C-alpha atoms as a PDB file:
ATOM      1  CA  MET A   1     162.910 124.026 154.027  1.00  0.00           C
ATOM      2  CA  ILE A   2     160.337 121.262 153.906  1.00  0.00           C
ATOM      3  CA  GLU A   3     157.834 121.360 150.977  1.00  0.00           C
ATOM      4  CA  ASN A   4     154.238 120.333 151.548  1.00  0.00           C
ATOM      5  CA  SER A   5     153.774 117.398 149.133  1.00  0.00           C
ATOM      6  CA  LYS A   6     150.169 116.734 150.135  1.00  0.00           C
ATOM      7  CA  LYS A   7     147.808 117.167 147.099  1.00  0.00           C
ATOM      8  CA  LYS A   8     144.145 117.886 147.472  1.00  0.00           C
ATOM      9  CA  GLY A   9     141.812 115.457 145.575  1.00  0.00           C
ATOM     10  CA  PHE A  10     138.071 115.352 144.812  1.00  0.00           C
ATOM     11  CA  THR A  11     135.695 114.564 147.616  1.00  0.00           C
ATOM     12  CA  LEU A  12     133.128 111.758 147.272  1.00  0.00           C
ATOM     13  CA  ILE A  13     130.295 114.300 147.081  1.00  0.00           C
ATOM     14  CA  GLU A  14     131.984 116.161 144.217  1.00  0.00           C
ATOM     15  CA  LEU A  15     132.474 112.897 142.290  1.00  0.00           C
ATOM     16  CA  LEU A  16     128.811 111.945 142.798  1.00  0.00           C
ATOM     17  CA  ILE A  17     127.696 115.376 141.550  1.00  0.00           C
ATOM     18  CA  VAL A  18     129.840 115.046 138.400  1.00  0.00           C
ATOM     19  CA  ILE A  19     128.563 111.496 137.752  1.00  0.00           C
ATOM     20  CA  GLY A  20     124.978 112.678 138.228  1.00  0.00           C
ATOM     21  CA  ILE A  21     125.428 115.521 135.744  1.00  0.00           C
ATOM     22  CA  ILE A  22     126.939 113.132 133.164  1.00  0.00           C
ATOM     23  CA  MET A  23     124.068 110.663 133.607  1.00  0.00           C
ATOM     24  CA  MET A  24     121.469 113.434 133.242  1.00  0.00           C
ATOM     25  CA  ILE A  25     123.054 114.770 130.047  1.00  0.00           C
ATOM     26  CA  SER A  26     123.329 111.232 128.646  1.00  0.00           C
ATOM     27  CA  SER A  27     119.657 110.548 129.459  1.00  0.00           C
ATOM     28  CA  ILE A  28     118.550 113.713 127.654  1.00  0.00           C
ATOM     29  CA  GLY A  29     120.644 112.761 124.636  1.00  0.00           C
ATOM     30  CA  VAL A  30     119.300 109.187 124.480  1.00  0.00           C
ATOM     31  CA  ASN A  31     115.676 110.290 124.891  1.00  0.00           C
ATOM     32  CA  GLY A  32     116.152 112.950 122.230  1.00  0.00           C
ATOM     33  CA  TYR A  33     117.602 110.389 119.834  1.00  0.00           C
ATOM     34  CA  ILE A  34     114.758 107.915 120.468  1.00  0.00           C
ATOM     35  CA  SER A  35     112.157 110.638 119.883  1.00  0.00           C
ATOM     36  CA  TYR A  36     113.912 111.772 116.699  1.00  0.00           C
ATOM     37  CA  ARG A  37     114.137 108.173 115.443  1.00  0.00           C
ATOM     38  CA  ARG A  38     110.407 107.573 116.048  1.00  0.00           C
ATOM     39  CA  GLU A  39     109.436 110.782 114.289  1.00  0.00           C
ATOM     40  CA  SER A  40     111.699 109.884 111.354  1.00  0.00           C
ATOM     41  CA  MET A  41     110.217 106.383 111.091  1.00  0.00           C
ATOM     42  CA  LEU A  42     106.700 107.800 110.900  1.00  0.00           C
ATOM     43  CA  PHE A  43     107.672 110.504 108.415  1.00  0.00           C
ATOM     44  CA  PHE A  44     109.302 107.985 106.071  1.00  0.00           C
ATOM     45  CA  ALA A  45     106.394 105.523 106.494  1.00  0.00           C
ATOM     46  CA  VAL A  46     103.912 108.140 105.266  1.00  0.00           C
ATOM     47  CA  ASP A  47     106.318 109.234 102.524  1.00  0.00           C
ATOM     48  CA  SER A  48     106.540 105.592 101.422  1.00  0.00           C
ATOM     49  CA  ALA A  49     102.736 105.380 101.388  1.00  0.00           C
ATOM     50  CA  VAL A  50     102.542 108.458  99.147  1.00  0.00           C
ATOM     51  CA  ALA A  51     105.162 106.969  96.808  1.00  0.00           C
ATOM     52  CA  GLN A  52     103.327 103.630  96.576  1.00  0.00           C
ATOM     53  CA  ILE A  53     100.015 105.322  95.773  1.00  0.00           C
ATOM     54  CA  LYS A  54     101.611 107.518  93.101  1.00  0.00           C
ATOM     55  CA  GLU A  55     103.194 104.402  91.613  1.00  0.00           C
ATOM     56  CA  LEU A  56      99.723 102.829  91.315  1.00  0.00           C
ATOM     57  CA  ARG A  57      98.456 105.928  89.519  1.00  0.00           C
ATOM     58  CA  ASP A  58     101.428 105.835  87.135  1.00  0.00           C
ATOM     59  CA  LYS A  59     100.800 102.144  86.378  1.00  0.00           C
ATOM     60  CA  THR A  60      97.156 102.942  85.630  1.00  0.00           C
ATOM     61  CA  ILE A  61      98.059 105.753  83.232  1.00  0.00           C
ATOM     62  CA  HIS A  62     100.979 104.127  81.406  1.00  0.00           C
ATOM     63  CA  GLY A  63      99.626 100.588  81.662  1.00  0.00           C
ATOM     64  CA  GLU A  64     101.066  97.251  80.731  1.00  0.00           C
ATOM     65  CA  ASP A  65      99.807  95.075  77.855  1.00  0.00           C
ATOM     66  CA  GLU A  66      96.196  95.758  78.856  1.00  0.00           C
ATOM     67  CA  ALA A  67      94.298  98.554  80.569  1.00  0.00           C
ATOM     68  CA  LEU A  68      94.025  97.949  84.320  1.00  0.00           C
ATOM     69  CA  CYS A  69      92.593  99.757  87.322  1.00  0.00           C
ATOM     70  CA  TYR A  70      95.042  99.823  90.240  1.00  0.00           C
ATOM     71  CA  GLY A  71      94.133 100.625  93.813  1.00  0.00           C
ATOM     72  CA  ILE A  72      94.579 100.066  97.525  1.00  0.00           C
ATOM     73  CA  TYR A  73      92.041  98.625  99.942  1.00  0.00           C
ATOM     74  CA  PHE A  74      92.141  99.750 103.613  1.00  0.00           C
ATOM     75  CA  LYS A  75      89.935  97.768 105.978  1.00  0.00           C
ATOM     76  CA  LYS A  76      89.397  96.671 109.559  1.00  0.00           C
ATOM     77  CA  ASP A  77      89.258  92.938 110.086  1.00  0.00           C
ATOM     78  CA  ASN A  78      86.468  93.628 112.580  1.00  0.00           C
ATOM     79  CA  VAL A  79      84.709  96.769 113.789  1.00  0.00           C
ATOM     80  CA  GLU A  80      86.286  96.618 117.259  1.00  0.00           C
ATOM     81  CA  ASP A  81      89.830  96.282 115.908  1.00  0.00           C
ATOM     82  CA  ALA A  82      91.798  99.509 116.236  1.00  0.00           C
ATOM     83  CA  LYS A  83      94.152  98.673 113.355  1.00  0.00           C
ATOM     84  CA  TYR A  84      93.698  98.524 109.594  1.00  0.00           C
ATOM     85  CA  THR A  85      95.175  96.237 106.999  1.00  0.00           C
ATOM     86  CA  ALA A  86      95.938  97.429 103.471  1.00  0.00           C
ATOM     87  CA  GLU A  87      96.228  95.494 100.219  1.00  0.00           C
ATOM     88  CA  ILE A  88      97.166  96.602  96.712  1.00  0.00           C
ATOM     89  CA  PHE A  89      95.018  95.205  93.895  1.00  0.00           C
ATOM     90  CA  LYS A  90      94.308  95.496  90.186  1.00  0.00           C
ATOM     91  CA  GLU A  91      91.193  94.986  88.049  1.00  0.00           C
ATOM     92  CA  LYS A  92      90.638  94.611  84.341  1.00  0.00           C
ATOM     93  CA  TYR A  93      89.314  97.736  82.675  1.00  0.00           C
ATOM     94  CA  VAL A  94      86.586  96.872  80.174  1.00  0.00           C
ATOM     95  CA  GLY A  95      86.625 100.304  78.551  1.00  0.00           C
ATOM     96  CA  LYS A  96      82.925 101.014  78.159  1.00  0.00           C
ATOM     97  CA  LYS A  97      81.963 104.470  76.957  1.00  0.00           C
ATOM     98  CA  VAL A  98      78.633 105.695  78.372  1.00  0.00           C
ATOM     99  CA  TRP A  99      76.639 108.808  77.469  1.00  0.00           C
ATOM    100  CA  ASN A 100      75.862 111.052  80.472  1.00  0.00           C
ATOM    101  CA  ALA A 101      72.538 112.638  79.506  1.00  0.00           C
ATOM    102  CA  ILE A 102      72.587 115.121  82.413  1.00  0.00           C
ATOM    103  CA  ASP A 103      76.015 116.653  81.686  1.00  0.00           C
ATOM    104  CA  ARG A 104      75.751 115.740  77.972  1.00  0.00           C
ATOM    105  CA  ILE A 105      79.208 114.195  77.816  1.00  0.00           C
ATOM    106  CA  TRP A 106      80.690 110.775  77.162  1.00  0.00           C
ATOM    107  CA  GLU A 107      82.130 109.062  80.241  1.00  0.00           C
ATOM    108  CA  TYR A 108      84.396 106.038  80.526  1.00  0.00           C
ATOM    109  CA  LYS A 109      83.034 103.218  82.665  1.00  0.00           C
ATOM    110  CA  GLY A 110      85.410 100.345  83.103  1.00  0.00           C
ATOM    111  CA  CYS A 111      85.850  99.148  86.690  1.00  0.00           C
ATOM    112  CA  SER A 112      83.252  97.884  89.121  1.00  0.00           C
ATOM    113  CA  GLU A 113      80.936 100.320  90.905  1.00  0.00           C
ATOM    114  CA  ASP A 114      79.537  97.558  93.099  1.00  0.00           C
ATOM    115  CA  MET A 115      81.542  96.557  96.163  1.00  0.00           C
ATOM    116  CA  THR A 116      80.340  92.942  95.929  1.00  0.00           C
ATOM    117  CA  ASP A 117      81.535  92.696  92.337  1.00  0.00           C
ATOM    118  CA  PHE A 118      84.738  94.467  93.319  1.00  0.00           C
ATOM    119  CA  SER A 119      85.455  91.995  96.113  1.00  0.00           C
ATOM    120  CA  LEU A 120      84.934  89.073  93.777  1.00  0.00           C
ATOM    121  CA  ALA A 121      86.851  90.603  90.891  1.00  0.00           C
ATOM    122  CA  GLU A 122      89.820  92.064  92.756  1.00  0.00           C
ATOM    123  CA  GLU A 123      93.206  90.510  92.193  1.00  0.00           C
ATOM    124  CA  LYS A 124      95.552  91.059  95.074  1.00  0.00           C
ATOM    125  CA  THR A 125      99.030  91.865  93.815  1.00  0.00           C
ATOM    126  CA  ARG A 126     100.843  92.463  97.114  1.00  0.00           C
ATOM    127  CA  ASP A 127     100.455  93.807 100.625  1.00  0.00           C
ATOM    128  CA  PHE A 128     100.848  97.526 101.178  1.00  0.00           C
ATOM    129  CA  GLU A 129     104.464  97.950 102.315  1.00  0.00           C
ATOM    130  CA  ILE A 130     104.733  99.342 105.831  1.00  0.00           C
ATOM    131  CA  ASP A 131     107.253  98.864 108.660  1.00  0.00           C
ATOM    132  CA  SER A 132     106.151  96.182 111.138  1.00  0.00           C
ATOM    133  CA  SER A 133     106.526  98.657 114.035  1.00  0.00           C
ATOM    134  CA  ILE A 134     103.964 101.039 112.488  1.00  0.00           C
ATOM    135  CA  ASP A 135     100.182 100.621 112.360  1.00  0.00           C
ATOM    136  CA  ILE A 136      97.463 102.264 110.313  1.00  0.00           C
ATOM    137  CA  LYS A 137      95.446 103.704 113.195  1.00  0.00           C
ATOM    138  CA  ALA A 138      92.463 105.343 111.482  1.00  0.00           C
ATOM    139  CA  VAL A 139      90.865 106.248 108.170  1.00  0.00           C
ATOM    140  CA  LEU A 140      88.887 109.465 108.560  1.00  0.00           C
ATOM    141  CA  LYS A 141      86.597 111.561 106.394  1.00  0.00           C
ATOM    142  CA  GLY A 142      86.314 114.726 108.436  1.00  0.00           C
ATOM    143  CA  GLU A 143      85.259 113.535 111.887  1.00  0.00           C
ATOM    144  CA  ILE A 144      83.798 110.273 110.532  1.00  0.00           C
ATOM    145  CA  SER A 145      85.820 107.083 111.011  1.00  0.00           C
ATOM    146  CA  LEU A 146      85.517 104.661 108.084  1.00  0.00           C
ATOM    147  CA  ASN A 147      85.663 100.897 108.562  1.00  0.00           C
ATOM    148  CA  SER A 148      86.853 100.422 104.986  1.00  0.00           C
ATOM    149  CA  PHE A 149      88.150 102.630 102.209  1.00  0.00           C
ATOM    150  CA  VAL A 150      89.125 101.856  98.624  1.00  0.00           C
ATOM    151  CA  LEU A 151      91.247 104.286  96.615  1.00  0.00           C
ATOM    152  CA  ARG A 152      91.350 103.307  92.954  1.00  0.00           C
ATOM    153  CA  PHE A 153      92.695 104.857  89.744  1.00  0.00           C
ATOM    154  CA  LEU A 154      90.924 104.560  86.387  1.00  0.00           C
ATOM    155  CA  PRO A 155      92.428 104.529  82.892  1.00  0.00           C
ATOM    156  CA  PRO A 156      93.205 106.377  80.742  1.00  0.00           C
ATOM    157  CA  GLU A 157      93.962 109.511  82.866  1.00  0.00           C
ATOM    158  CA  GLY A 158      94.375 107.979  86.328  1.00  0.00           C
ATOM    159  CA  ASP A 159      91.162 109.530  87.664  1.00  0.00           C
ATOM    160  CA  ILE A 160      90.299 108.722  91.277  1.00  0.00           C
ATOM    161  CA  SER A 161      87.352 106.569  92.278  1.00  0.00           C
ATOM    162  CA  VAL A 162      86.604 105.487  95.848  1.00  0.00           C
ATOM    163  CA  PHE A 163      84.458 103.252  98.023  1.00  0.00           C
ATOM    164  CA  GLU A 164      83.665 104.456 101.554  1.00  0.00           C
ATOM    165  CA  ASP A 165      82.393 101.713 103.867  1.00  0.00           C
ATOM    166  CA  ASP A 166      81.695  99.559 100.782  1.00  0.00           C
ATOM    167  CA  ILE A 167      79.648 102.296  99.054  1.00  0.00           C
ATOM    168  CA  TYR A 168      80.801 103.659  95.703  1.00  0.00           C
ATOM    169  CA  GLN A 169      81.170 107.449  95.665  1.00  0.00           C
ATOM    170  CA  SER A 170      80.400 108.869  92.234  1.00  0.00           C
ATOM    171  CA  GLU A 171      81.109 112.554  92.971  1.00  0.00           C
ATOM    172  CA  PHE A 172      83.463 114.602  95.145  1.00  0.00           C
ATOM    173  CA  VAL A 173      83.193 118.119  96.475  1.00  0.00           C
ATOM    174  CA  THR A 174      85.990 120.541  97.353  1.00  0.00           C
ATOM    175  CA  GLN A 175      85.868 119.625 101.046  1.00  0.00           C
ATOM    176  CA  ASP A 176      86.227 115.877 100.414  1.00  0.00           C
ATOM    177  CA  LYS A 177      89.497 114.818 102.013  1.00  0.00           C
ATOM    178  CA  ILE A 178      90.489 111.474 103.460  1.00  0.00           C
ATOM    179  CA  GLU A 179      93.028 111.284 106.286  1.00  0.00           C
ATOM    180  CA  ILE A 180      94.851 108.005 106.892  1.00  0.00           C
ATOM    181  CA  GLN A 181      96.590 108.095 110.266  1.00  0.00           C
ATOM    182  CA  PHE A 182      99.823 106.184 110.908  1.00  0.00           C
ATOM    183  CA  GLY A 183     101.272 105.599 114.373  1.00  0.00           C
ATOM    184  CA  LEU A 184     103.785 103.503 116.265  1.00  0.00           C
ATOM    185  CA  SER A 185     102.486 100.168 117.527  1.00  0.00           C
ATOM    186  CA  GLY A 186     101.373 100.277 121.149  1.00  0.00           C
ATOM    187  CA  THR A 187     101.132 104.055 121.506  1.00  0.00           C
ATOM    188  CA  THR A 188      98.875 106.922 120.435  1.00  0.00           C
ATOM    189  CA  ARG A 189     101.240 109.758 121.415  1.00  0.00           C
ATOM    190  CA  LEU A 190     102.923 110.308 118.050  1.00  0.00           C
ATOM    191  CA  GLN A 191     101.077 110.094 114.747  1.00  0.00           C
ATOM    192  CA  ARG A 192     101.381 111.328 111.168  1.00  0.00           C
ATOM    193  CA  SER A 193      98.775 111.283 108.438  1.00  0.00           C
ATOM    194  CA  LEU A 194      98.451 110.814 104.715  1.00  0.00           C
ATOM    195  CA  ARG A 195      95.862 113.365 103.556  1.00  0.00           C
ATOM    196  CA  ILE A 196      94.174 112.660 100.222  1.00  0.00           C
ATOM    197  CA  ASP A 197      92.390 115.463  98.376  1.00  0.00           C
ATOM    198  CA  LEU A 198      89.855 113.471  96.361  1.00  0.00           C
ATOM    199  CA  GLN A 199      88.889 116.290  94.019  1.00  0.00           C
ATOM    200  CA  ASN A 200      92.384 117.439  93.073  1.00  0.00           C
ATOM    201  CA  GLY A 201      94.243 114.142  93.471  1.00  0.00           C
ATOM    202  CA  GLN A 202      96.806 115.620  95.880  1.00  0.00           C
ATOM    203  CA  PHE A 203      98.611 113.623  98.578  1.00  0.00           C
ATOM    204  CA  GLU A 204     100.158 115.256 101.682  1.00  0.00           C
ATOM    205  CA  ASN A 205     102.364 113.982 104.507  1.00  0.00           C
ATOM    206  CA  ILE A 206     101.169 115.897 107.578  1.00  0.00           C
ATOM    207  CA  LEU A 207     101.473 115.785 111.367  1.00  0.00           C
ATOM    208  CA  SER A 208      98.222 114.503 112.876  1.00  0.00           C
ATOM    209  CA  GLU A 209      96.281 117.003 114.934  1.00  0.00           C
END
Protein backbone atom coordinates (compact mmCIF):
# COMPACT_ATOMS: atom_id res chain seq x y z
CA MET A 1 0.00 0.00 0.00
CA ILE A 2 1.40 3.35 -1.06
CA GLU A 3 1.14 6.22 1.50
CA ASN A 4 0.42 9.73 0.31
CA SER A 5 3.47 11.70 1.52
CA LYS A 6 2.31 15.01 0.05
CA LYS A 7 1.84 17.66 2.83
CA LYS A 8 -0.37 20.66 2.42
CA GLY A 9 1.34 24.05 3.16
CA PHE A 10 0.14 27.65 3.52
CA THR A 11 -0.92 29.50 0.42
CA LEU A 12 0.58 32.90 -0.44
CA ILE A 13 -2.72 34.63 0.37
CA GLU A 14 -2.85 33.04 3.83
CA LEU A 15 0.74 34.16 4.55
CA LEU A 16 -0.06 37.72 3.44
CA ILE A 17 -3.14 37.79 5.69
CA VAL A 18 -1.10 36.63 8.70
CA ILE A 19 1.66 39.18 7.98
CA GLY A 20 -0.95 41.93 7.63
CA ILE A 21 -2.54 41.05 10.97
CA ILE A 22 0.88 41.06 12.69
CA MET A 23 1.75 44.45 11.19
CA MET A 24 -1.61 45.92 12.26
CA ILE A 25 -1.23 44.69 15.84
CA SER A 26 2.36 45.98 15.96
CA SER A 27 1.24 49.40 14.65
CA ILE A 28 -1.45 49.67 17.33
CA GLY A 29 1.08 48.74 20.00
CA VAL A 30 3.69 51.26 18.81
CA ASN A 31 1.15 54.09 18.49
CA GLY A 32 -0.22 53.28 21.93
CA TYR A 33 3.27 53.37 23.42
CA ILE A 34 4.10 56.70 21.73
CA SER A 35 0.85 58.24 22.99
CA TYR A 36 1.47 56.92 26.51
CA ARG A 37 5.05 58.25 26.47
CA ARG A 38 3.89 61.73 25.38
CA GLU A 39 1.21 61.86 28.04
CA SER A 40 3.73 60.74 30.67
CA MET A 41 6.25 63.38 29.59
CA LEU A 42 3.66 66.12 29.95
CA PHE A 43 2.40 64.81 33.29
CA PHE A 44 5.91 64.71 34.76
CA ALA A 45 6.76 68.14 33.27
CA VAL A 46 3.83 69.74 35.10
CA ASP A 47 4.62 67.75 38.25
CA SER A 48 8.19 69.07 38.05
CA ALA A 49 6.85 72.61 37.68
CA VAL A 50 4.73 72.18 40.82
CA ALA A 51 7.74 70.82 42.72
CA GLN A 52 9.98 73.72 41.63
CA ILE A 53 7.39 76.31 42.68
CA LYS A 54 6.88 74.65 46.07
CA GLU A 55 10.65 74.62 46.53
CA LEU A 56 10.71 78.40 45.97
CA ARG A 57 8.01 78.85 48.60
CA ASP A 58 9.96 76.68 51.06
CA LYS A 59 13.13 78.72 50.44
CA THR A 60 11.18 81.91 51.10
CA ILE A 61 9.78 80.61 54.39
CA HIS A 62 12.88 78.91 55.79
CA GLY A 63 15.35 81.34 54.22
CA GLU A 64 19.10 81.40 54.07
CA ASP A 65 21.30 83.93 55.90
CA GLU A 66 18.96 86.77 54.89
CA ALA A 67 15.28 87.14 54.09
CA LEU A 68 14.64 86.81 50.35
CA CYS A 69 11.64 86.83 48.04
CA TYR A 70 11.74 83.96 45.54
CA GLY A 71 9.67 83.74 42.40
CA ILE A 72 9.28 82.74 38.77
CA TYR A 73 8.83 85.05 35.80
CA PHE A 74 6.85 83.78 32.76
CA LYS A 75 7.02 85.99 29.68
CA LYS A 76 6.75 86.10 25.91
CA ASP A 77 9.79 87.43 24.12
CA ASN A 78 7.36 89.20 21.78
CA VAL A 79 3.58 89.44 21.58
CA GLU A 80 3.36 87.31 18.42
CA ASP A 81 5.47 84.49 19.87
CA ALA A 82 3.36 81.49 20.84
CA LYS A 83 5.85 80.25 23.45
CA TYR A 84 6.86 81.52 26.88
CA THR A 85 10.18 81.53 28.65
CA ALA A 86 10.44 81.17 32.42
CA GLU A 87 13.17 82.28 34.82
CA ILE A 88 13.57 81.78 38.56
CA PHE A 89 14.72 84.83 40.53
CA LYS A 90 15.23 86.17 44.04
CA GLU A 91 15.02 89.64 45.60
CA LYS A 92 16.17 91.07 48.89
CA TYR A 93 13.39 91.52 51.41
CA VAL A 94 13.75 94.85 53.22
CA GLY A 95 11.23 93.95 55.92
CA LYS A 96 9.23 97.15 56.21
CA LYS A 97 6.18 97.06 58.44
CA VAL A 98 3.37 99.36 57.25
CA TRP A 99 0.11 100.27 59.00
CA ASN A 100 -3.00 99.55 56.89
CA ALA A 101 -5.45 102.23 58.05
CA ILE A 102 -8.41 100.69 56.19
CA ASP A 103 -8.16 97.18 57.69
CA ARG A 104 -6.42 98.53 60.83
CA ILE A 105 -3.64 95.96 60.74
CA TRP A 106 0.12 95.96 60.30
CA GLU A 107 1.32 94.59 56.96
CA TYR A 108 4.79 93.53 55.85
CA LYS A 109 6.09 95.31 52.76
CA GLY A 110 9.42 94.07 51.57
CA CYS A 111 9.63 93.33 47.84
CA SER A 112 8.99 95.62 44.91
CA GLU A 113 5.43 96.49 43.88
CA ASP A 114 6.65 98.28 40.76
CA MET A 115 7.47 96.15 37.72
CA THR A 116 10.20 98.57 36.60
CA ASP A 117 11.91 98.33 39.97
CA PHE A 118 11.38 94.58 39.94
CA SER A 119 13.03 94.20 36.54
CA LEU A 120 16.02 96.21 37.68
CA ALA A 121 16.28 94.54 41.06
CA GLU A 122 15.68 90.92 40.08
CA GLU A 123 18.55 88.50 40.36
CA LYS A 124 18.21 85.56 38.05
CA THR A 125 19.26 82.37 39.80
CA ARG A 126 18.54 79.81 37.08
CA ASP A 127 16.22 78.94 34.22
CA PHE A 128 12.99 77.15 35.02
CA GLU A 129 13.75 73.46 34.41
CA ILE A 130 11.66 71.98 31.62
CA ASP A 131 12.29 69.25 29.03
CA SER A 132 13.48 70.67 25.69
CA SER A 133 10.66 68.84 23.87
CA ILE A 134 7.99 70.66 25.91
CA ASP A 135 6.87 74.28 25.57
CA ILE A 136 4.92 76.62 27.81
CA LYS A 137 2.04 77.33 25.44
CA ALA A 138 -0.11 79.84 27.35
CA VAL A 139 -0.60 81.68 30.62
CA LEU A 140 -4.31 82.26 31.19
CA LYS A 141 -6.45 84.07 33.74
CA GLY A 142 -9.89 82.78 32.89
CA GLU A 143 -10.26 83.42 29.17
CA ILE A 144 -7.62 86.20 29.19
CA SER A 145 -4.17 85.38 27.82
CA LEU A 146 -1.35 87.13 29.70
CA ASN A 147 1.85 88.22 27.97
CA SER A 148 3.75 88.07 31.25
CA PHE A 149 3.14 86.70 34.72
CA VAL A 150 5.22 86.85 37.89
CA LEU A 151 4.52 84.48 40.79
CA ARG A 152 6.45 85.51 43.88
CA PHE A 153 6.55 84.43 47.53
CA LEU A 154 7.05 86.86 50.42
CA PRO A 155 8.67 86.24 53.80
CA PRO A 156 7.98 85.34 56.52
CA GLU A 157 4.96 83.09 55.67
CA GLY A 158 5.48 82.52 51.94
CA ASP A 159 2.46 84.62 50.95
CA ILE A 160 1.79 84.92 47.22
CA SER A 161 2.19 88.15 45.29
CA VAL A 162 1.82 88.45 41.52
CA PHE A 163 2.29 90.74 38.53
CA GLU A 164 -0.08 90.28 35.58
CA ASP A 165 1.14 91.92 32.36
CA ASP A 166 3.61 93.97 34.45
CA ILE A 167 0.89 95.24 36.83
CA TYR A 168 1.12 94.42 40.53
CA GLN A 169 -2.02 92.75 41.90
CA SER A 170 -2.60 93.68 45.53
CA GLU A 171 -5.73 91.58 46.17
CA PHE A 172 -7.18 88.25 45.04
CA VAL A 173 -10.72 86.97 44.98
CA THR A 174 -11.95 83.38 45.23
CA GLN A 175 -12.25 83.03 41.45
CA ASP A 176 -8.66 84.16 40.78
CA LYS A 177 -6.87 81.21 39.20
CA ILE A 178 -3.97 81.18 36.79
CA GLU A 179 -3.58 78.33 34.30
CA ILE A 180 -0.17 77.70 32.76
CA GLN A 181 -0.50 75.37 29.78
CA PHE A 182 2.29 72.96 28.80
CA GLY A 183 2.40 71.11 25.49
CA LEU A 184 4.70 69.15 23.21
CA SER A 185 6.73 71.24 20.77
CA GLY A 186 5.16 71.45 17.33
CA THR A 187 1.67 70.26 18.27
CA THR A 188 -1.43 71.53 20.07
CA ARG A 189 -3.22 68.17 20.32
CA LEU A 190 -2.07 67.16 23.80
CA GLN A 191 -1.69 69.62 26.66
CA ARG A 192 -1.63 69.67 30.46
CA SER A 193 -1.87 72.64 32.77
CA LEU A 194 -0.54 73.89 36.07
CA ARG A 195 -3.48 75.60 37.81
CA ILE A 196 -2.60 78.09 40.54
CA ASP A 197 -5.24 79.12 43.07
CA LEU A 198 -3.96 82.57 44.06
CA GLN A 199 -6.14 82.95 47.13
CA ASN A 200 -5.47 79.56 48.71
CA GLY A 201 -1.96 78.95 47.37
CA GLN A 202 -2.89 75.58 45.84
CA PHE A 203 -1.19 74.06 42.79
CA GLU A 204 -2.86 71.42 40.58
CA ASN A 205 -1.67 69.25 37.69
CA ILE A 206 -4.68 69.01 35.37
CA LEU A 207 -5.53 67.97 31.81
CA SER A 208 -6.15 71.06 29.68
CA GLU A 209 -9.69 71.51 28.45
